Amino acid sequence: MSPTVFRAGGYRFYFFSREEPRMHIHVMGPNGEAKFWIEPVIELAQNYGLSQREIGETLRLVQEHEHDIRSAWQGHFGG
């Protein structure tokens, strides 16, 4: 199961259920996908095909939606 948290700028931001306990978000775009850690700080964890421009854009979106991501994480995973 991979619930969508939000969509913006042609990207889908989502979780994978039962992956790992450290708070993070996955991003899928037309050219690839990435994973960003949310804790302890927001940073790129993995990139599969997104350009540096796309990474910058998705990082900005993750930062802008940090509260929504944290709330969705708590709602989905508990704690």
PDB file of N, CA and C in Angstrom:
ATOM      1  N   MET A   1       0.851  -1.181   0.000  1.00  0.00           N
ATOM      2  CA  MET A   1       0.000   0.000   0.000  1.00  0.00           C
ATOM      3  C   MET A   1       0.894   1.241   0.000  1.00  0.00           C
ATOM      4  N   SER A   2       0.564   2.198  -0.830  1.00  0.00           N
ATOM      5  CA  SER A   2       1.358   3.425  -0.899  1.00  0.00           C
ATOM      6  C   SER A   2       0.431   4.636  -1.010  1.00  0.00           C
ATOM      7  N   PRO A   3      -0.057   5.123   0.132  1.00  0.00           N
ATOM      8  CA  PRO A   3      -0.989   6.251   0.105  1.00  0.00           C
ATOM      9  C   PRO A   3      -0.340   7.545  -0.369  1.00  0.00           C
ATOM     10  N   THR A   4      -1.064   8.262  -1.209  1.00  0.00           N
ATOM     11  CA  THR A   4      -0.614   9.564  -1.685  1.00  0.00           C
ATOM     12  C   THR A   4      -0.867  10.608  -0.607  1.00  0.00           C
ATOM     13  N   VAL A   5       0.158  11.396  -0.298  1.00  0.00           N
ATOM     14  CA  VAL A   5       0.029  12.468   0.689  1.00  0.00           C
ATOM     15  C   VAL A   5      -0.439  13.741  -0.009  1.00  0.00           C
ATOM     16  N   PHE A   6       0.202  14.071  -1.153  1.00  0.00           N
ATOM     17  CA  PHE A   6      -0.238  15.211  -1.954  1.00  0.00           C
ATOM     18  C   PHE A   6       0.385  15.111  -3.341  1.00  0.00           C
ATOM     19  N   ARG A   7      -0.140  15.909  -4.251  1.00  0.00           N
ATOM     20  CA  ARG A   7       0.392  16.042  -5.610  1.00  0.00           C
ATOM     21  C   ARG A   7       0.660  17.523  -5.854  1.00  0.00           C
ATOM     22  N   ALA A   8       1.789  17.798  -6.499  1.00  0.00           N
ATOM     23  CA  ALA A   8       2.127  19.190  -6.810  1.00  0.00           C
ATOM     24  C   ALA A   8       3.172  19.203  -7.910  1.00  0.00           C
ATOM     25  N   GLY A   9       3.048  20.142  -8.828  1.00  0.00           N
ATOM     26  CA  GLY A   9       4.050  20.343  -9.864  1.00  0.00           C
ATOM     27  C   GLY A   9       4.321  19.125 -10.729  1.00  0.00           C
ATOM     28  N   GLY A  10       3.337  18.265 -10.909  1.00  0.00           N
ATOM     29  CA  GLY A  10       3.520  17.061 -11.710  1.00  0.00           C
ATOM     30  C   GLY A  10       4.157  15.907 -10.947  1.00  0.00           C
ATOM     31  N   TYR A  11       4.287  16.044  -9.633  1.00  0.00           N
ATOM     32  CA  TYR A  11       4.897  15.015  -8.794  1.00  0.00           C
ATOM     33  C   TYR A  11       3.865  14.438  -7.830  1.00  0.00           C
ATOM     34  N   ARG A  12       4.045  13.165  -7.517  1.00  0.00           N
ATOM     35  CA  ARG A  12       3.224  12.496  -6.510  1.00  0.00           C
ATOM     36  C   ARG A  12       4.107  12.237  -5.288  1.00  0.00           C
ATOM     37  N   PHE A  13       3.641  12.647  -4.123  1.00  0.00           N
ATOM     38  CA  PHE A  13       4.362  12.468  -2.867  1.00  0.00           C
ATOM     39  C   PHE A  13       3.598  11.418  -2.063  1.00  0.00           C
ATOM     40  N   TYR A  14       4.294  10.358  -1.658  1.00  0.00           N
ATOM     41  CA  TYR A  14       3.596   9.218  -1.068  1.00  0.00           C
ATOM     42  C   TYR A  14       4.481   8.455  -0.080  1.00  0.00           C
ATOM     43  N   PHE A  15       3.833   7.568   0.678  1.00  0.00           N
ATOM     44  CA  PHE A  15       4.513   6.664   1.609  1.00  0.00           C
ATOM     45  C   PHE A  15       4.410   5.245   1.067  1.00  0.00           C
ATOM     46  N   PHE A  16       5.355   4.409   1.454  1.00  0.00           N
ATOM     47  CA  PHE A  16       5.232   2.963   1.316  1.00  0.00           C
ATOM     48  C   PHE A  16       4.904   2.433   2.699  1.00  0.00           C
ATOM     49  N   SER A  17       3.853   1.660   2.808  1.00  0.00           N
ATOM     50  CA  SER A  17       3.542   1.039   4.089  1.00  0.00           C
ATOM     51  C   SER A  17       4.565  -0.045   4.387  1.00  0.00           C
ATOM     52  N   ARG A  18       4.880  -0.205   5.656  1.00  0.00           N
ATOM     53  CA  ARG A  18       5.772  -1.254   6.139  1.00  0.00           C
ATOM     54  C   ARG A  18       7.165  -1.189   5.523  1.00  0.00           C
ATOM     55  N   GLU A  19       7.681  -0.012   5.335  1.00  0.00           N
ATOM     56  CA  GLU A  19       9.028   0.105   4.781  1.00  0.00           C
ATOM     57  C   GLU A  19      10.051   0.233   5.903  1.00  0.00           C
ATOM     58  N   GLU A  20      10.225   1.412   6.444  1.00  0.00           N
ATOM     59  CA  GLU A  20      11.171   1.624   7.540  1.00  0.00           C
ATOM     60  C   GLU A  20      10.612   2.688   8.474  1.00  0.00           C
ATOM     61  N   PRO A  21      11.024   2.665   9.746  1.00  0.00           N
ATOM     62  CA  PRO A  21      10.390   3.552  10.723  1.00  0.00           C
ATOM     63  C   PRO A  21      10.807   5.014  10.665  1.00  0.00           C
ATOM     64  N   ARG A  22      11.966   5.329  10.090  1.00  0.00           N
ATOM     65  CA  ARG A  22      12.419   6.725  10.027  1.00  0.00           C
ATOM     66  C   ARG A  22      11.508   7.511   9.082  1.00  0.00           C
ATOM     67  N   MET A  23      11.046   8.665   9.541  1.00  0.00           N
ATOM     68  CA  MET A  23      10.095   9.453   8.759  1.00  0.00           C
ATOM     69  C   MET A  23      10.716   9.915   7.447  1.00  0.00           C
ATOM     70  N   HIS A  24      10.001   9.627   6.343  1.00  0.00           N
ATOM     71  CA  HIS A  24      10.477   9.985   5.013  1.00  0.00           C
ATOM     72  C   HIS A  24       9.289  10.040   4.063  1.00  0.00           C
ATOM     73  N   ILE A  25       9.547  10.542   2.860  1.00  0.00           N
ATOM     74  CA  ILE A  25       8.515  10.605   1.822  1.00  0.00           C
ATOM     75  C   ILE A  25       9.150  10.251   0.484  1.00  0.00           C
ATOM     76  N   HIS A  26       8.386   9.548  -0.340  1.00  0.00           N
ATOM     77  CA  HIS A  26       8.806   9.217  -1.701  1.00  0.00           C
ATOM     78  C   HIS A  26       8.163  10.203  -2.665  1.00  0.00           C
ATOM     79  N   VAL A  27       8.852  10.461  -3.763  1.00  0.00           N
ATOM     80  CA  VAL A  27       8.371  11.386  -4.792  1.00  0.00           C
ATOM     81  C   VAL A  27       8.505  10.705  -6.139  1.00  0.00           C
ATOM     82  N   MET A  28       7.423  10.695  -6.909  1.00  0.00           N
ATOM     83  CA  MET A  28       7.438  10.128  -8.253  1.00  0.00           C
ATOM     84  C   MET A  28       7.138  11.240  -9.241  1.00  0.00           C
ATOM     85  N   GLY A  29       7.996  11.364 -10.258  1.00  0.00           N
ATOM     86  CA  GLY A  29       7.792  12.345 -11.309  1.00  0.00           C
ATOM     87  C   GLY A  29       7.896  11.672 -12.661  1.00  0.00           C
ATOM     88  N   PRO A  30       7.703  12.411 -13.734  1.00  0.00           N
ATOM     89  CA  PRO A  30       7.745  11.807 -15.066  1.00  0.00           C
ATOM     90  C   PRO A  30       9.124  11.264 -15.452  1.00  0.00           C
ATOM     91  N   ASN A  31      10.186  11.761 -14.823  1.00  0.00           N
ATOM     92  CA  ASN A  31      11.539  11.351 -15.205  1.00  0.00           C
ATOM     93  C   ASN A  31      12.232  10.447 -14.194  1.00  0.00           C
ATOM     94  N   GLY A  32      11.560  10.154 -13.084  1.00  0.00           N
ATOM     95  CA  GLY A  32      12.180   9.311 -12.078  1.00  0.00           C
ATOM     96  C   GLY A  32      11.524   9.481 -10.735  1.00  0.00           C
ATOM     97  N   GLU A  33      12.246   9.054  -9.702  1.00  0.00           N
ATOM     98  CA  GLU A  33      11.709   9.140  -8.354  1.00  0.00           C
ATOM     99  C   GLU A  33      12.827   9.406  -7.358  1.00  0.00           C
ATOM    100  N   ALA A  34      12.428   9.847  -6.178  1.00  0.00           N
ATOM    101  CA  ALA A  34      13.392  10.153  -5.124  1.00  0.00           C
ATOM    102  C   ALA A  34      12.758   9.863  -3.774  1.00  0.00           C
ATOM    103  N   LYS A  35      13.594   9.856  -2.765  1.00  0.00           N
ATOM    104  CA  LYS A  35      13.157   9.663  -1.382  1.00  0.00           C
ATOM    105  C   LYS A  35      13.842  10.739  -0.540  1.00  0.00           C
ATOM    106  N   PHE A  36      13.065  11.380   0.315  1.00  0.00           N
ATOM    107  CA  PHE A  36      13.590  12.417   1.198  1.00  0.00           C
ATOM    108  C   PHE A  36      13.358  12.011   2.647  1.00  0.00           C
ATOM    109  N   TRP A  37      14.404  12.125   3.465  1.00  0.00           N
ATOM    110  CA  TRP A  37      14.249  11.996   4.908  1.00  0.00           C
ATOM    111  C   TRP A  37      13.535  13.236   5.398  1.00  0.00           C
ATOM    112  N   ILE A  38      12.688  13.066   6.397  1.00  0.00           N
ATOM    113  CA  ILE A  38      12.033  14.194   7.051  1.00  0.00           C
ATOM    114  C   ILE A  38      12.694  14.441   8.403  1.00  0.00           C
ATOM    115  N   GLU A  39      13.187  13.377   9.015  1.00  0.00           N
ATOM    116  CA  GLU A  39      13.860  13.478  10.308  1.00  0.00           C
ATOM    117  C   GLU A  39      15.242  12.858  10.221  1.00  0.00           C
ATOM    118  N   PRO A  40      16.237  13.367  10.900  1.00  0.00           N
ATOM    119  CA  PRO A  40      16.144  14.510  11.810  1.00  0.00           C
ATOM    120  C   PRO A  40      16.032  15.851  11.081  1.00  0.00           C
ATOM    121  N   VAL A  41      16.481  15.912   9.818  1.00  0.00           N
ATOM    122  CA  VAL A  41      16.308  17.110   8.994  1.00  0.00           C
ATOM    123  C   VAL A  41      15.856  16.667   7.615  1.00  0.00           C
ATOM    124  N   ILE A  42      15.244  17.573   6.878  1.00  0.00           N
ATOM    125  CA  ILE A  42      14.824  17.247   5.516  1.00  0.00           C
ATOM    126  C   ILE A  42      16.057  17.212   4.625  1.00  0.00           C
ATOM    127  N   GLU A  43      16.267  16.044   3.987  1.00  0.00           N
ATOM    128  CA  GLU A  43      17.400  15.906   3.065  1.00  0.00           C
ATOM    129  C   GLU A  43      17.132  14.766   2.105  1.00  0.00           C
ATOM    130  N   LEU A  44      17.794  14.814   0.970  1.00  0.00           N
ATOM    131  CA  LEU A  44      17.666  13.772  -0.033  1.00  0.00           C
ATOM    132  C   LEU A  44      18.280  12.480   0.482  1.00  0.00           C
ATOM    133  N   ALA A  45      17.526  11.391   0.388  1.00  0.00           N
ATOM    134  CA  ALA A  45      18.024  10.071   0.784  1.00  0.00           C
ATOM    135  C   ALA A  45      18.461   9.277  -0.444  1.00  0.00           C
ATOM    136  N   GLN A  46      17.647   9.301  -1.511  1.00  0.00           N
ATOM    137  CA  GLN A  46      17.945   8.549  -2.736  1.00  0.00           C
ATOM    138  C   GLN A  46      17.345   9.286  -3.936  1.00  0.00           C
ATOM    139  N   ASN A  47      17.986   9.110  -5.083  1.00  0.00           N
ATOM    140  CA  ASN A  47      17.484   9.696  -6.319  1.00  0.00           C
ATOM    141  C   ASN A  47      17.649   8.682  -7.436  1.00  0.00           C
ATOM    142  N   TYR A  48      16.582   8.462  -8.160  1.00  0.00           N
ATOM    143  CA  TYR A  48      16.596   7.547  -9.298  1.00  0.00           C
ATOM    144  C   TYR A  48      16.071   8.274 -10.535  1.00  0.00           C
ATOM    145  N   GLY A  49      16.941   9.063 -11.166  1.00  0.00           N
ATOM    146  CA  GLY A  49      16.596   9.653 -12.452  1.00  0.00           C
ATOM    147  C   GLY A  49      16.152  11.099 -12.479  1.00  0.00           C
ATOM    148  N   LEU A  50      15.896  11.714 -11.344  1.00  0.00           N
ATOM    149  CA  LEU A  50      15.499  13.119 -11.359  1.00  0.00           C
ATOM    150  C   LEU A  50      16.734  13.998 -11.554  1.00  0.00           C
ATOM    151  N   SER A  51      16.570  15.063 -12.332  1.00  0.00           N
ATOM    152  CA  SER A  51      17.673  16.004 -12.559  1.00  0.00           C
ATOM    153  C   SER A  51      17.914  16.849 -11.312  1.00  0.00           C
ATOM    154  N   GLN A  52      19.011  17.565 -11.286  1.00  0.00           N
ATOM    155  CA  GLN A  52      19.289  18.457 -10.160  1.00  0.00           C
ATOM    156  C   GLN A  52      18.203  19.518 -10.012  1.00  0.00           C
ATOM    157  N   ARG A  53      17.687  20.002 -11.121  1.00  0.00           N
ATOM    158  CA  ARG A  53      16.582  20.976 -11.079  1.00  0.00           C
ATOM    159  C   ARG A  53      15.352  20.347 -10.444  1.00  0.00           C
ATOM    160  N   GLU A  54      15.029  19.115 -10.840  1.00  0.00           N
ATOM    161  CA  GLU A  54      13.862  18.425 -10.281  1.00  0.00           C
ATOM    162  C   GLU A  54      14.058  18.127  -8.793  1.00  0.00           C
ATOM    163  N   ILE A  55      15.270  17.758  -8.413  1.00  0.00           N
ATOM    164  CA  ILE A  55      15.552  17.526  -6.995  1.00  0.00           C
ATOM    165  C   ILE A  55      15.345  18.817  -6.208  1.00  0.00           C
ATOM    166  N   GLY A  56      15.834  19.925  -6.736  1.00  0.00           N
ATOM    167  CA  GLY A  56      15.631  21.216  -6.063  1.00  0.00           C
ATOM    168  C   GLY A  56      14.157  21.562  -5.925  1.00  0.00           C
ATOM    169  N   GLU A  57      13.401  21.318  -7.000  1.00  0.00           N
ATOM    170  CA  GLU A  57      11.969  21.614  -6.983  1.00  0.00           C
ATOM    171  C   GLU A  57      11.231  20.717  -5.987  1.00  0.00           C
ATOM    172  N   THR A  58      11.537  19.420  -5.994  1.00  0.00           N
ATOM    173  CA  THR A  58      10.851  18.511  -5.078  1.00  0.00           C
ATOM    174  C   THR A  58      11.263  18.764  -3.624  1.00  0.00           C
ATOM    175  N   LEU A  59      12.520  19.104  -3.401  1.00  0.00           N
ATOM    176  CA  LEU A  59      12.970  19.452  -2.049  1.00  0.00           C
ATOM    177  C   LEU A  59      12.194  20.658  -1.530  1.00  0.00           C
ATOM    178  N   ARG A  60      12.047  21.662  -2.378  1.00  0.00           N
ATOM    179  CA  ARG A  60      11.278  22.854  -1.991  1.00  0.00           C
ATOM    180  C   ARG A  60       9.836  22.478  -1.642  1.00  0.00           C
ATOM    181  N   LEU A  61       9.228  21.596  -2.425  1.00  0.00           N
ATOM    182  CA  LEU A  61       7.852  21.171  -2.156  1.00  0.00           C
ATOM    183  C   LEU A  61       7.749  20.379  -0.857  1.00  0.00           C
ATOM    184  N   VAL A  62       8.730  19.525  -0.598  1.00  0.00           N
ATOM    185  CA  VAL A  62       8.742  18.784   0.667  1.00  0.00           C
ATOM    186  C   VAL A  62       8.848  19.764   1.829  1.00  0.00           C
ATOM    187  N   GLN A  63       9.722  20.745   1.714  1.00  0.00           N
ATOM    188  CA  GLN A  63       9.864  21.746   2.782  1.00  0.00           C
ATOM    189  C   GLN A  63       8.574  22.534   2.986  1.00  0.00           C
ATOM    190  N   GLU A  64       7.928  22.926   1.890  1.00  0.00           N
ATOM    191  CA  GLU A  64       6.687  23.693   1.982  1.00  0.00           C
ATOM    192  C   GLU A  64       5.563  22.879   2.610  1.00  0.00           C
ATOM    193  N   HIS A  65       5.564  21.565   2.392  1.00  0.00           N
ATOM    194  CA  HIS A  65       4.487  20.693   2.863  1.00  0.00           C
ATOM    195  C   HIS A  65       4.900  19.849   4.070  1.00  0.00           C
ATOM    196  N   GLU A  66       5.960  20.260   4.746  1.00  0.00           N
ATOM    197  CA  GLU A  66       6.468  19.463   5.871  1.00  0.00           C
ATOM    198  C   GLU A  66       5.378  19.165   6.903  1.00  0.00           C
ATOM    199  N   HIS A  67       4.599  20.146   7.276  1.00  0.00           N
ATOM    200  CA  HIS A  67       3.544  19.925   8.270  1.00  0.00           C
ATOM    201  C   HIS A  67       2.545  18.874   7.776  1.00  0.00           C
ATOM    202  N   ASP A  68       2.129  18.973   6.513  1.00  0.00           N
ATOM    203  CA  ASP A  68       1.186  18.010   5.937  1.00  0.00           C
ATOM    204  C   ASP A  68       1.784  16.602   5.929  1.00  0.00           C
ATOM    205  N   ILE A  69       3.069  16.502   5.594  1.00  0.00           N
ATOM    206  CA  ILE A  69       3.742  15.203   5.556  1.00  0.00           C
ATOM    207  C   ILE A  69       3.793  14.603   6.952  1.00  0.00           C
ATOM    208  N   ARG A  70       4.186  15.398   7.930  1.00  0.00           N
ATOM    209  CA  ARG A  70       4.263  14.902   9.312  1.00  0.00           C
ATOM    210  C   ARG A  70       2.889  14.459   9.816  1.00  0.00           C
ATOM    211  N   SER A  71       1.868  15.236   9.532  1.00  0.00           N
ATOM    212  CA  SER A  71       0.506  14.889   9.957  1.00  0.00           C
ATOM    213  C   SER A  71       0.031  13.610   9.280  1.00  0.00           C
ATOM    214  N   ALA A  72       0.302  13.491   7.987  1.00  0.00           N
ATOM    215  CA  ALA A  72      -0.103  12.281   7.259  1.00  0.00           C
ATOM    216  C   ALA A  72       0.653  11.061   7.768  1.00  0.00           C
ATOM    217  N   TRP A  73       1.939  11.229   8.086  1.00  0.00           N
ATOM    218  CA  TRP A  73       2.744  10.120   8.629  1.00  0.00           C
ATOM    219  C   TRP A  73       2.122   9.632   9.952  1.00  0.00           C
ATOM    220  N   GLN A  74       1.837  10.590  10.839  1.00  0.00           N
ATOM    221  CA  GLN A  74       1.246  10.224  12.138  1.00  0.00           C
ATOM    222  C   GLN A  74      -0.104   9.529  11.947  1.00  0.00           C
ATOM    223  N   GLY A  75      -0.900  10.035  11.015  1.00  0.00           N
ATOM    224  CA  GLY A  75      -2.198   9.430  10.757  1.00  0.00           C
ATOM    225  C   GLY A  75      -2.093   8.040  10.167  1.00  0.00           C
ATOM    226  N   HIS A  76      -1.102   7.822   9.332  1.00  0.00           N
ATOM    227  CA  HIS A  76      -0.965   6.527   8.653  1.00  0.00           C
ATOM    228  C   HIS A  76      -0.240   5.500   9.513  1.00  0.00           C
ATOM    229  N   PHE A  77       0.854   5.918  10.135  1.00  0.00           N
ATOM    230  CA  PHE A  77       1.691   4.977  10.882  1.00  0.00           C
ATOM    231  C   PHE A  77       1.447   5.026  12.387  1.00  0.00           C
ATOM    232  N   GLY A  78       0.793   6.076  12.873  1.00  0.00           N
ATOM    233  CA  GLY A  78       0.546   6.205  14.309  1.00  0.00           C
ATOM    234  C   GLY A  78       1.754   6.779  15.027  1.00  0.00           C
ATOM    235  N   GLY A  79       1.586   6.970  16.330  1.00  0.00           N
ATOM    236  CA  GLY A  79       2.700   7.477  17.138  1.00  0.00           C
ATOM    237  C   GLY A  79       2.719   8.920  17.196  1.00  0.00           C
TER     238      GLY A  79
END
